[in-house]
PDB file of N, CA and C in Angstrom:
ATOM      1  N   PRO A   1      18.979  19.327  -7.605  1.00  0.00           N
ATOM      2  CA  PRO A   1      18.377  18.034  -7.289  1.00  0.00           C
ATOM      3  C   PRO A   1      19.377  16.878  -7.379  1.00  0.00           C
ATOM      4  N   LYS A   2      20.365  16.998  -8.281  1.00  0.00           N
ATOM      5  CA  LYS A   2      21.313  15.896  -8.434  1.00  0.00           C
ATOM      6  C   LYS A   2      22.138  15.716  -7.165  1.00  0.00           C
ATOM      7  N   TYR A   3      22.541  16.818  -6.535  1.00  0.00           N
ATOM      8  CA  TYR A   3      23.323  16.703  -5.306  1.00  0.00           C
ATOM      9  C   TYR A   3      22.480  16.023  -4.222  1.00  0.00           C
ATOM     10  N   GLY A   4      21.238  16.440  -4.082  1.00  0.00           N
ATOM     11  CA  GLY A   4      20.360  15.835  -3.076  1.00  0.00           C
ATOM     12  C   GLY A   4      20.131  14.358  -3.341  1.00  0.00           C
ATOM     13  N   ARG A   5      19.954  14.013  -4.608  1.00  0.00           N
ATOM     14  CA  ARG A   5      19.745  12.617  -4.983  1.00  0.00           C
ATOM     15  C   ARG A   5      20.987  11.785  -4.676  1.00  0.00           C
ATOM     16  N   ASP A   6      22.146  12.294  -5.060  1.00  0.00           N
ATOM     17  CA  ASP A   6      23.395  11.560  -4.819  1.00  0.00           C
ATOM     18  C   ASP A   6      23.692  11.429  -3.328  1.00  0.00           C
ATOM     19  N   HIS A   7      23.467  12.497  -2.598  1.00  0.00           N
ATOM     20  CA  HIS A   7      23.733  12.467  -1.155  1.00  0.00           C
ATOM     21  C   HIS A   7      22.795  11.486  -0.457  1.00  0.00           C
ATOM     22  N   THR A   8      21.512  11.518  -0.814  1.00  0.00           N
ATOM     23  CA  THR A   8      20.542  10.599  -0.205  1.00  0.00           C
ATOM     24  C   THR A   8      20.872   9.154  -0.562  1.00  0.00           C
ATOM     25  N   ALA A   9      21.280   8.918  -1.811  1.00  0.00           N
ATOM     26  CA  ALA A   9      21.665   7.563  -2.228  1.00  0.00           C
ATOM     27  C   ALA A   9      22.871   7.082  -1.429  1.00  0.00           C
ATOM     28  N   ALA A  10      23.837   7.959  -1.213  1.00  0.00           N
ATOM     29  CA  ALA A  10      25.018   7.585  -0.434  1.00  0.00           C
ATOM     30  C   ALA A  10      24.636   7.277   1.011  1.00  0.00           C
ATOM     31  N   LEU A  11      23.727   8.054   1.571  1.00  0.00           N
ATOM     32  CA  LEU A  11      23.272   7.788   2.941  1.00  0.00           C
ATOM     33  C   LEU A  11      22.581   6.426   3.038  1.00  0.00           C
ATOM     34  N   LEU A  12      21.748   6.123   2.051  1.00  0.00           N
ATOM     35  CA  LEU A  12      21.057   4.828   2.061  1.00  0.00           C
ATOM     36  C   LEU A  12      22.034   3.674   1.924  1.00  0.00           C
ATOM     37  N   LEU A  13      23.025   3.831   1.074  1.00  0.00           N
ATOM     38  CA  LEU A  13      24.015   2.764   0.900  1.00  0.00           C
ATOM     39  C   LEU A  13      24.847   2.544   2.160  1.00  0.00           C
ATOM     40  N   ARG A  14      25.147   3.625   2.869  1.00  0.00           N
ATOM     41  CA  ARG A  14      25.895   3.481   4.136  1.00  0.00           C
ATOM     42  C   ARG A  14      25.012   2.886   5.224  1.00  0.00           C
ATOM     43  N   ALA A  15      23.747   3.285   5.257  1.00  0.00           N
ATOM     44  CA  ALA A  15      22.853   2.818   6.315  1.00  0.00           C
ATOM     45  C   ALA A  15      22.442   1.357   6.110  1.00  0.00           C
ATOM     46  N   PHE A  16      22.344   0.931   4.854  1.00  0.00           N
ATOM     47  CA  PHE A  16      21.909  -0.431   4.545  1.00  0.00           C
ATOM     48  C   PHE A  16      22.936  -1.094   3.624  1.00  0.00           C
ATOM     49  N   PRO A  17      23.959  -1.691   4.211  1.00  0.00           N
ATOM     50  CA  PRO A  17      25.035  -2.267   3.393  1.00  0.00           C
ATOM     51  C   PRO A  17      24.577  -3.442   2.534  1.00  0.00           C
ATOM     52  N   THR A  18      23.416  -4.013   2.809  1.00  0.00           N
ATOM     53  CA  THR A  18      22.932  -5.138   2.008  1.00  0.00           C
ATOM     54  C   THR A  18      22.367  -4.697   0.661  1.00  0.00           C
ATOM     55  N   LEU A  19      22.122  -3.397   0.513  1.00  0.00           N
ATOM     56  CA  LEU A  19      21.593  -2.887  -0.750  1.00  0.00           C
ATOM     57  C   LEU A  19      22.703  -2.741  -1.786  1.00  0.00           C
ATOM     58  N   ARG A  20      22.326  -2.976  -3.031  1.00  0.00           N
ATOM     59  CA  ARG A  20      23.268  -2.768  -4.132  1.00  0.00           C
ATOM     60  C   ARG A  20      23.010  -1.383  -4.726  1.00  0.00           C
ATOM     61  N   PRO A  21      24.041  -0.764  -5.291  1.00  0.00           N
ATOM     62  CA  PRO A  21      23.871   0.575  -5.882  1.00  0.00           C
ATOM     63  C   PRO A  21      22.752   0.661  -6.935  1.00  0.00           C
ATOM     64  N   PRO A  22      22.568  -0.345  -7.813  1.00  0.00           N
ATOM     65  CA  PRO A  22      21.458  -0.221  -8.773  1.00  0.00           C
ATOM     66  C   PRO A  22      20.078  -0.168  -8.104  1.00  0.00           C
ATOM     67  N   GLN A  23      19.928  -0.894  -6.991  1.00  0.00           N
ATOM     68  CA  GLN A  23      18.657  -0.838  -6.261  1.00  0.00           C
ATOM     69  C   GLN A  23      18.396   0.571  -5.757  1.00  0.00           C
ATOM     70  N   VAL A  24      19.415   1.169  -5.176  1.00  0.00           N
ATOM     71  CA  VAL A  24      19.272   2.510  -4.616  1.00  0.00           C
ATOM     72  C   VAL A  24      19.058   3.528  -5.742  1.00  0.00           C
ATOM     73  N   GLN A  25      19.771   3.374  -6.851  1.00  0.00           N
ATOM     74  CA  GLN A  25      19.598   4.306  -7.968  1.00  0.00           C
ATOM     75  C   GLN A  25      18.183   4.234  -8.525  1.00  0.00           C
ATOM     76  N   GLN A  26      17.650   3.033  -8.640  1.00  0.00           N
ATOM     77  CA  GLN A  26      16.289   2.879  -9.139  1.00  0.00           C
ATOM     78  C   GLN A  26      15.290   3.508  -8.161  1.00  0.00           C
ATOM     79  N   PHE A  27      15.504   3.286  -6.880  1.00  0.00           N
ATOM     80  CA  PHE A  27      14.623   3.869  -5.870  1.00  0.00           C
ATOM     81  C   PHE A  27      14.696   5.390  -5.899  1.00  0.00           C
ATOM     82  N   MET A  28      15.905   5.916  -5.997  1.00  0.00           N
ATOM     83  CA  MET A  28      16.061   7.371  -6.013  1.00  0.00           C
ATOM     84  C   MET A  28      15.432   7.987  -7.265  1.00  0.00           C
ATOM     85  N   ALA A  29      15.548   7.319  -8.405  1.00  0.00           N
ATOM     86  CA  ALA A  29      14.933   7.829  -9.632  1.00  0.00           C
ATOM     87  C   ALA A  29      13.423   7.908  -9.463  1.00  0.00           C
ATOM     88  N   GLY A  30      12.840   6.884  -8.876  1.00  0.00           N
ATOM     89  CA  GLY A  30      11.398   6.885  -8.641  1.00  0.00           C
ATOM     90  C   GLY A  30      10.991   7.892  -7.582  1.00  0.00           C
ATOM     91  N   LEU A  31      11.829   8.065  -6.591  1.00  0.00           N
ATOM     92  CA  LEU A  31      11.528   8.984  -5.493  1.00  0.00           C
ATOM     93  C   LEU A  31      11.489  10.430  -5.971  1.00  0.00           C
ATOM     94  N   PHE A  32      12.389  10.774  -6.870  1.00  0.00           N
ATOM     95  CA  PHE A  32      12.459  12.152  -7.344  1.00  0.00           C
ATOM     96  C   PHE A  32      11.637  12.394  -8.609  1.00  0.00           C
ATOM     97  N   ASP A  33      10.936  11.375  -9.063  1.00  0.00           N
ATOM     98  CA  ASP A  33      10.088  11.532 -10.246  1.00  0.00           C
ATOM     99  C   ASP A  33       8.766  12.155  -9.787  1.00  0.00           C
ATOM    100  N   ILE A  34       8.555  13.411 -10.130  1.00  0.00           N
ATOM    101  CA  ILE A  34       7.371  14.120  -9.627  1.00  0.00           C
ATOM    102  C   ILE A  34       6.112  13.801 -10.414  1.00  0.00           C
ATOM    103  N   ASN A  35       6.215  13.023 -11.488  1.00  0.00           N
ATOM    104  CA  ASN A  35       5.048  12.694 -12.292  1.00  0.00           C
ATOM    105  C   ASN A  35       4.289  11.485 -11.765  1.00  0.00           C
ATOM    106  N   LYS A  36       4.774  10.885 -10.714  1.00  0.00           N
ATOM    107  CA  LYS A  36       4.139   9.678 -10.183  1.00  0.00           C
ATOM    108  C   LYS A  36       2.926  10.033  -9.329  1.00  0.00           C
ATOM    109  N   SER A  37       1.976   9.131  -9.328  1.00  0.00           N
ATOM    110  CA  SER A  37       0.801   9.306  -8.476  1.00  0.00           C
ATOM    111  C   SER A  37       1.145   8.854  -7.059  1.00  0.00           C
ATOM    112  N   GLN A  38       0.239   9.115  -6.147  1.00  0.00           N
ATOM    113  CA  GLN A  38       0.461   8.714  -4.756  1.00  0.00           C
ATOM    114  C   GLN A  38       0.511   7.192  -4.659  1.00  0.00           C
ATOM    115  N   GLU A  39      -0.335   6.511  -5.421  1.00  0.00           N
ATOM    116  CA  GLU A  39      -0.351   5.047  -5.406  1.00  0.00           C
ATOM    117  C   GLU A  39       0.974   4.488  -5.925  1.00  0.00           C
ATOM    118  N   ALA A  40       1.508   5.077  -6.990  1.00  0.00           N
ATOM    119  CA  ALA A  40       2.794   4.629  -7.534  1.00  0.00           C
ATOM    120  C   ALA A  40       3.915   4.883  -6.525  1.00  0.00           C
ATOM    121  N   PHE A  41       3.856   6.020  -5.825  1.00  0.00           N
ATOM    122  CA  PHE A  41       4.862   6.321  -4.805  1.00  0.00           C
ATOM    123  C   PHE A  41       4.801   5.301  -3.672  1.00  0.00           C
ATOM    124  N   LYS A  42       3.578   4.969  -3.228  1.00  0.00           N
ATOM    125  CA  LYS A  42       3.434   3.984  -2.149  1.00  0.00           C
ATOM    126  C   LYS A  42       3.978   2.628  -2.579  1.00  0.00           C
ATOM    127  N   ASN A  43       3.702   2.239  -3.817  1.00  0.00           N
ATOM    128  CA  ASN A  43       4.214   0.960  -4.310  1.00  0.00           C
ATOM    129  C   ASN A  43       5.735   0.967  -4.392  1.00  0.00           C
ATOM    130  N   LEU A  44       6.307   2.077  -4.843  1.00  0.00           N
ATOM    131  CA  LEU A  44       7.760   2.201  -4.907  1.00  0.00           C
ATOM    132  C   LEU A  44       8.368   2.079  -3.511  1.00  0.00           C
ATOM    133  N   LEU A  45       7.775   2.775  -2.557  1.00  0.00           N
ATOM    134  CA  LEU A  45       8.282   2.738  -1.186  1.00  0.00           C
ATOM    135  C   LEU A  45       8.147   1.346  -0.581  1.00  0.00           C
ATOM    136  N   ARG A  46       7.011   0.692  -0.795  1.00  0.00           N
ATOM    137  CA  ARG A  46       6.819  -0.678  -0.302  1.00  0.00           C
ATOM    138  C   ARG A  46       7.859  -1.619  -0.890  1.00  0.00           C
ATOM    139  N   ASP A  47       8.039  -1.544  -2.199  1.00  0.00           N
ATOM    140  CA  ASP A  47       8.998  -2.431  -2.845  1.00  0.00           C
ATOM    141  C   ASP A  47      10.392  -2.237  -2.277  1.00  0.00           C
ATOM    142  N   PHE A  48      10.753  -0.984  -2.044  1.00  0.00           N
ATOM    143  CA  PHE A  48      12.076  -0.694  -1.486  1.00  0.00           C
ATOM    144  C   PHE A  48      12.195  -1.258  -0.071  1.00  0.00           C
ATOM    145  N   LEU A  49      11.186  -1.068   0.739  1.00  0.00           N
ATOM    146  CA  LEU A  49      11.245  -1.560   2.116  1.00  0.00           C
ATOM    147  C   LEU A  49      11.288  -3.085   2.161  1.00  0.00           C
ATOM    148  N   VAL A  50      10.583  -3.725   1.263  1.00  0.00           N
ATOM    149  CA  VAL A  50      10.593  -5.183   1.231  1.00  0.00           C
ATOM    150  C   VAL A  50      11.962  -5.698   0.798  1.00  0.00           C
ATOM    151  N   GLU A  51      12.654  -4.947  -0.051  1.00  0.00           N
ATOM    152  CA  GLU A  51      13.986  -5.358  -0.490  1.00  0.00           C
ATOM    153  C   GLU A  51      15.005  -5.338   0.649  1.00  0.00           C
ATOM    154  N   LEU A  52      14.755  -4.542   1.647  1.00  0.00           N
ATOM    155  CA  LEU A  52      15.690  -4.460   2.770  1.00  0.00           C
ATOM    156  C   LEU A  52      15.619  -5.751   3.579  1.00  0.00           C
ATOM    157  N   THR A  53      16.717  -6.383   3.769  1.00  0.00           N
ATOM    158  CA  THR A  53      16.699  -7.620   4.547  1.00  0.00           C
ATOM    159  C   THR A  53      16.547  -7.325   6.036  1.00  0.00           C
ATOM    160  N   GLU A  54      16.833  -6.090   6.444  1.00  0.00           N
ATOM    161  CA  GLU A  54      16.668  -5.723   7.845  1.00  0.00           C
ATOM    162  C   GLU A  54      15.214  -5.436   8.183  1.00  0.00           C
ATOM    163  N   PHE A  55      14.393  -5.346   7.177  1.00  0.00           N
ATOM    164  CA  PHE A  55      12.984  -5.022   7.364  1.00  0.00           C
ATOM    165  C   PHE A  55      12.240  -6.317   7.609  1.00  0.00           C
ATOM    166  N   SER A  56      11.719  -6.508   8.809  1.00  0.00           N
ATOM    167  CA  SER A  56      11.096  -7.780   9.152  1.00  0.00           C
ATOM    168  C   SER A  56       9.696  -7.896   8.582  1.00  0.00           C
ATOM    169  N   ALA A  57       9.205  -9.115   8.487  1.00  0.00           N
ATOM    170  CA  ALA A  57       7.871  -9.377   7.917  1.00  0.00           C
ATOM    171  C   ALA A  57       6.772  -8.775   8.791  1.00  0.00           C
ATOM    172  N   GLU A  58       7.014  -8.661  10.081  1.00  0.00           N
ATOM    173  CA  GLU A  58       6.004  -8.097  10.976  1.00  0.00           C
ATOM    174  C   GLU A  58       5.793  -6.608  10.698  1.00  0.00           C
ATOM    175  N   ASP A  59       6.857  -5.914  10.324  1.00  0.00           N
ATOM    176  CA  ASP A  59       6.772  -4.475  10.120  1.00  0.00           C
ATOM    177  C   ASP A  59       6.008  -4.100   8.867  1.00  0.00           C
ATOM    178  N   ASN A  60       5.958  -4.980   7.868  1.00  0.00           N
ATOM    179  CA  ASN A  60       5.338  -4.586   6.614  1.00  0.00           C
ATOM    180  C   ASN A  60       3.830  -4.789   6.583  1.00  0.00           C
ATOM    181  N   GLN A  61       3.242  -5.304   7.613  1.00  0.00           N
ATOM    182  CA  GLN A  61       1.801  -5.524   7.633  1.00  0.00           C
ATOM    183  C   GLN A  61       1.028  -4.218   7.560  1.00  0.00           C
ATOM    184  N   GLU A  62       1.524  -3.174   8.193  1.00  0.00           N
ATOM    185  CA  GLU A  62       0.799  -1.908   8.179  1.00  0.00           C
ATOM    186  C   GLU A  62       0.900  -1.192   6.835  1.00  0.00           C
ATOM    187  N   LEU A  63       1.783  -1.649   5.960  1.00  0.00           N
ATOM    188  CA  LEU A  63       1.871  -1.055   4.633  1.00  0.00           C
ATOM    189  C   LEU A  63       0.638  -1.366   3.793  1.00  0.00           C
ATOM    190  N   TYR A  64      -0.045  -2.448   4.133  1.00  0.00           N
ATOM    191  CA  TYR A  64      -1.186  -2.889   3.349  1.00  0.00           C
ATOM    192  C   TYR A  64      -2.515  -2.678   4.074  1.00  0.00           C
ATOM    193  N   THR A  65      -2.531  -1.869   5.109  1.00  0.00           N
ATOM    194  CA  THR A  65      -3.736  -1.660   5.901  1.00  0.00           C
ATOM    195  C   THR A  65      -4.868  -1.061   5.076  1.00  0.00           C
ATOM    196  N   GLU A  66      -4.569  -0.047   4.285  1.00  0.00           N
ATOM    197  CA  GLU A  66      -5.615   0.599   3.496  1.00  0.00           C
ATOM    198  C   GLU A  66      -6.261  -0.381   2.524  1.00  0.00           C
ATOM    199  N   GLU A  67      -5.443  -1.186   1.860  1.00  0.00           N
ATOM    200  CA  GLU A  67      -5.970  -2.142   0.889  1.00  0.00           C
ATOM    201  C   GLU A  67      -6.817  -3.207   1.577  1.00  0.00           C
ATOM    202  N   ARG A  68      -6.367  -3.689   2.749  1.00  0.00           N
ATOM    203  CA  ARG A  68      -7.152  -4.699   3.475  1.00  0.00           C
ATOM    204  C   ARG A  68      -8.486  -4.134   3.930  1.00  0.00           C
ATOM    205  N   GLU A  69      -8.491  -2.904   4.412  1.00  0.00           N
ATOM    206  CA  GLU A  69      -9.740  -2.285   4.841  1.00  0.00           C
ATOM    207  C   GLU A  69     -10.704  -2.131   3.670  1.00  0.00           C
ATOM    208  N   LEU A  70     -10.193  -1.710   2.528  1.00  0.00           N
ATOM    209  CA  LEU A  70     -11.032  -1.564   1.344  1.00  0.00           C
ATOM    210  C   LEU A  70     -11.597  -2.909   0.911  1.00  0.00           C
ATOM    211  N   GLN A  71     -10.784  -3.957   0.953  1.00  0.00           N
ATOM    212  CA  GLN A  71     -11.263  -5.289   0.590  1.00  0.00           C
ATOM    213  C   GLN A  71     -12.344  -5.763   1.556  1.00  0.00           C
ATOM    214  N   LYS A  72     -12.162  -5.492   2.854  1.00  0.00           N
ATOM    215  CA  LYS A  72     -13.172  -5.878   3.842  1.00  0.00           C
ATOM    216  C   LYS A  72     -14.485  -5.153   3.583  1.00  0.00           C
ATOM    217  N   GLN A  73     -14.409  -3.856   3.297  1.00  0.00           N
ATOM    218  CA  GLN A  73     -15.619  -3.085   3.021  1.00  0.00           C
ATOM    219  C   GLN A  73     -16.320  -3.596   1.771  1.00  0.00           C
ATOM    220  N   GLN A  74     -15.545  -3.898   0.737  1.00  0.00           N
ATOM    221  CA  GLN A  74     -16.139  -4.399  -0.503  1.00  0.00           C
ATOM    222  C   GLN A  74     -16.780  -5.760  -0.287  1.00  0.00           C
ATOM    223  N   ALA A  75     -16.143  -6.624   0.492  1.00  0.00           N
ATOM    224  CA  ALA A  75     -16.705  -7.946   0.770  1.00  0.00           C
ATOM    225  C   ALA A  75     -17.987  -7.823   1.590  1.00  0.00           C
ATOM    226  N   ALA A  76     -17.980  -6.918   2.573  1.00  0.00           N
ATOM    227  CA  ALA A  76     -19.176  -6.728   3.397  1.00  0.00           C
ATOM    228  C   ALA A  76     -20.326  -6.182   2.563  1.00  0.00           C
ATOM    229  N   GLU A  77     -20.041  -5.253   1.671  1.00  0.00           N
ATOM    230  CA  GLU A  77     -21.082  -4.694   0.820  1.00  0.00           C
ATOM    231  C   GLU A  77     -21.610  -5.747  -0.162  1.00  0.00           C
ATOM    232  N   ALA A  78     -20.731  -6.571  -0.704  1.00  0.00           N
ATOM    233  CA  ALA A  78     -21.165  -7.640  -1.615  1.00  0.00           C
ATOM    234  C   ALA A  78     -22.049  -8.636  -0.889  1.00  0.00           C
ATOM    235  N   ASP A  79     -21.670  -8.969   0.350  1.00  0.00           N
ATOM    236  CA  ASP A  79     -22.492  -9.882   1.147  1.00  0.00           C
ATOM    237  C   ASP A  79     -23.848  -9.261   1.461  1.00  0.00           C
ATOM    238  N   ARG A  80     -23.846  -7.997   1.778  1.00  0.00           N
ATOM    239  CA  ARG A  80     -25.099  -7.295   2.082  1.00  0.00           C
ATOM    240  C   ARG A  80     -26.014  -7.267   0.859  1.00  0.00           C
ATOM    241  N   GLN A  81     -25.439  -6.982  -0.306  1.00  0.00           N
ATOM    242  CA  GLN A  81     -26.229  -6.962  -1.534  1.00  0.00           C
ATOM    243  C   GLN A  81     -26.791  -8.348  -1.856  1.00  0.00           C
ATOM    244  N   ARG A  82     -25.998  -9.374  -1.604  1.00  0.00           N
ATOM    245  CA  ARG A  82     -26.457 -10.746  -1.829  1.00  0.00           C
ATOM    246  C   ARG A  82     -27.628 -11.072  -0.915  1.00  0.00           C
ATOM    247  N   ARG A  83     -27.511 -10.665   0.356  1.00  0.00           N
ATOM    248  CA  ARG A  83     -28.590 -10.946   1.305  1.00  0.00           C
ATOM    249  C   ARG A  83     -29.828 -10.108   1.017  1.00  0.00           C
ATOM    250  N   LEU A  84     -29.643  -8.899   0.487  1.00  0.00           N
ATOM    251  CA  LEU A  84     -30.788  -8.069   0.122  1.00  0.00           C
ATOM    252  C   LEU A  84     -31.567  -8.667  -1.052  1.00  0.00           C
ATOM    253  N   ALA A  85     -30.863  -9.378  -1.912  1.00  0.00           N
ATOM    254  CA  ALA A  85     -31.493  -9.949  -3.099  1.00  0.00           C
ATOM    255  C   ALA A  85     -32.441 -11.095  -2.755  1.00  0.00           C
ATOM    256  N   VAL A  86     -32.214 -11.736  -1.597  1.00  0.00           N
ATOM    257  CA  VAL A  86     -33.068 -12.855  -1.183  1.00  0.00           C
ATOM    258  C   VAL A  86     -33.952 -12.388  -0.035  1.00  0.00           C
ATOM    259  N   PRO A  87     -35.269 -12.367  -0.253  1.00  0.00           N
ATOM    260  CA  PRO A  87     -36.171 -11.915   0.812  1.00  0.00           C
ATOM    261  C   PRO A  87     -36.044 -12.787   2.071  1.00  0.00           C
ATOM    262  N   GLY A  88     -36.007 -12.131   3.205  1.00  0.00           N
ATOM    263  CA  GLY A  88     -35.974 -12.820   4.487  1.00  0.00           C
ATOM    264  C   GLY A  88     -34.586 -13.044   5.057  1.00  0.00           C
ATOM    265  N   LEU A  89     -33.538 -12.781   4.304  1.00  0.00           N
ATOM    266  CA  LEU A  89     -32.190 -12.978   4.831  1.00  0.00           C
ATOM    267  C   LEU A  89     -31.710 -11.799   5.671  1.00  0.00           C
ATOM    268  N   MET A  90     -32.300 -10.646   5.493  1.00  0.00           N
ATOM    269  CA  MET A  90     -31.905  -9.459   6.255  1.00  0.00           C
ATOM    270  C   MET A  90     -32.880  -9.258   7.405  1.00  0.00           C
ATOM    271  N   LYS A  91     -32.357  -8.911   8.553  1.00  0.00           N
ATOM    272  CA  LYS A  91     -33.209  -8.551   9.682  1.00  0.00           C
ATOM    273  C   LYS A  91     -33.832  -7.198   9.376  1.00  0.00           C
ATOM    274  N   PRO A  92     -35.029  -6.953   9.879  1.00  0.00           N
ATOM    275  CA  PRO A  92     -35.678  -5.646   9.605  1.00  0.00           C
ATOM    276  C   PRO A  92     -34.836  -4.459  10.038  1.00  0.00           C
ATOM    277  N   GLY A  93     -34.050  -4.585  11.088  1.00  0.00           N
ATOM    278  CA  GLY A  93     -33.209  -3.495  11.554  1.00  0.00           C
ATOM    279  C   GLY A  93     -32.004  -3.234  10.650  1.00  0.00           C
ATOM    280  N   GLU A  94     -31.631  -4.229   9.828  1.00  0.00           N
ATOM    281  CA  GLU A  94     -30.491  -4.079   8.936  1.00  0.00           C
ATOM    282  C   GLU A  94     -30.860  -3.461   7.585  1.00  0.00           C
ATOM    283  N   VAL A  95     -32.141  -3.408   7.292  1.00  0.00           N
ATOM    284  CA  VAL A  95     -32.581  -2.904   5.994  1.00  0.00           C
ATOM    285  C   VAL A  95     -32.831  -1.404   6.080  1.00  0.00           C
ATOM    286  N   ASP A  96     -32.157  -0.642   5.222  1.00  0.00           N
ATOM    287  CA  ASP A  96     -32.409   0.788   5.136  1.00  0.00           C
ATOM    288  C   ASP A  96     -33.669   1.008   4.337  1.00  0.00           C
ATOM    289  N   ASP A  97     -34.350   2.129   4.586  1.00  0.00           N
ATOM    290  CA  ASP A  97     -35.539   2.445   3.821  1.00  0.00           C
ATOM    291  C   ASP A  97     -35.189   2.672   2.347  1.00  0.00           C
ATOM    292  N   ASP A  98     -33.963   3.099   2.075  1.00  0.00           N
ATOM    293  CA  ASP A  98     -33.543   3.340   0.697  1.00  0.00           C
ATOM    294  C   ASP A  98     -33.450   2.039  -0.088  1.00  0.00           C
ATOM    295  N   ASP A  99     -33.207   0.910   0.600  1.00  0.00           N
ATOM    296  CA  ASP A  99     -33.027  -0.376  -0.060  1.00  0.00           C
ATOM    297  C   ASP A  99     -34.352  -0.987  -0.506  1.00  0.00           C
ATOM    298  N   LEU A 100     -35.456  -0.506   0.003  1.00  0.00           N
ATOM    299  CA  LEU A 100     -36.770  -1.088  -0.330  1.00  0.00           C
ATOM    300  C   LEU A 100     -37.314  -0.575  -1.610  1.00  0.00           C
TER     301      LEU A 100
END
């Protein structure tokens, strides 16, 4: 694993000259740490990509798609629950039989 880690770090340093060796070493340590969860891995990868100055702001929007979708769903459900709490705010077609 050490050879693979060192070789990958060298490739990253050659490909992205704006990166400093400590940044790459920290990224590689996190990348090869098998005890991390998927969420921790995604955060590590996002942080690394954001550190790249060649990585434009437009490209990083899709990194947060899952979180935005979850927030939208939670907001919609909260709004629905709020409207269910007040009689007459929901159209009859929007009310499930389970909600009654």
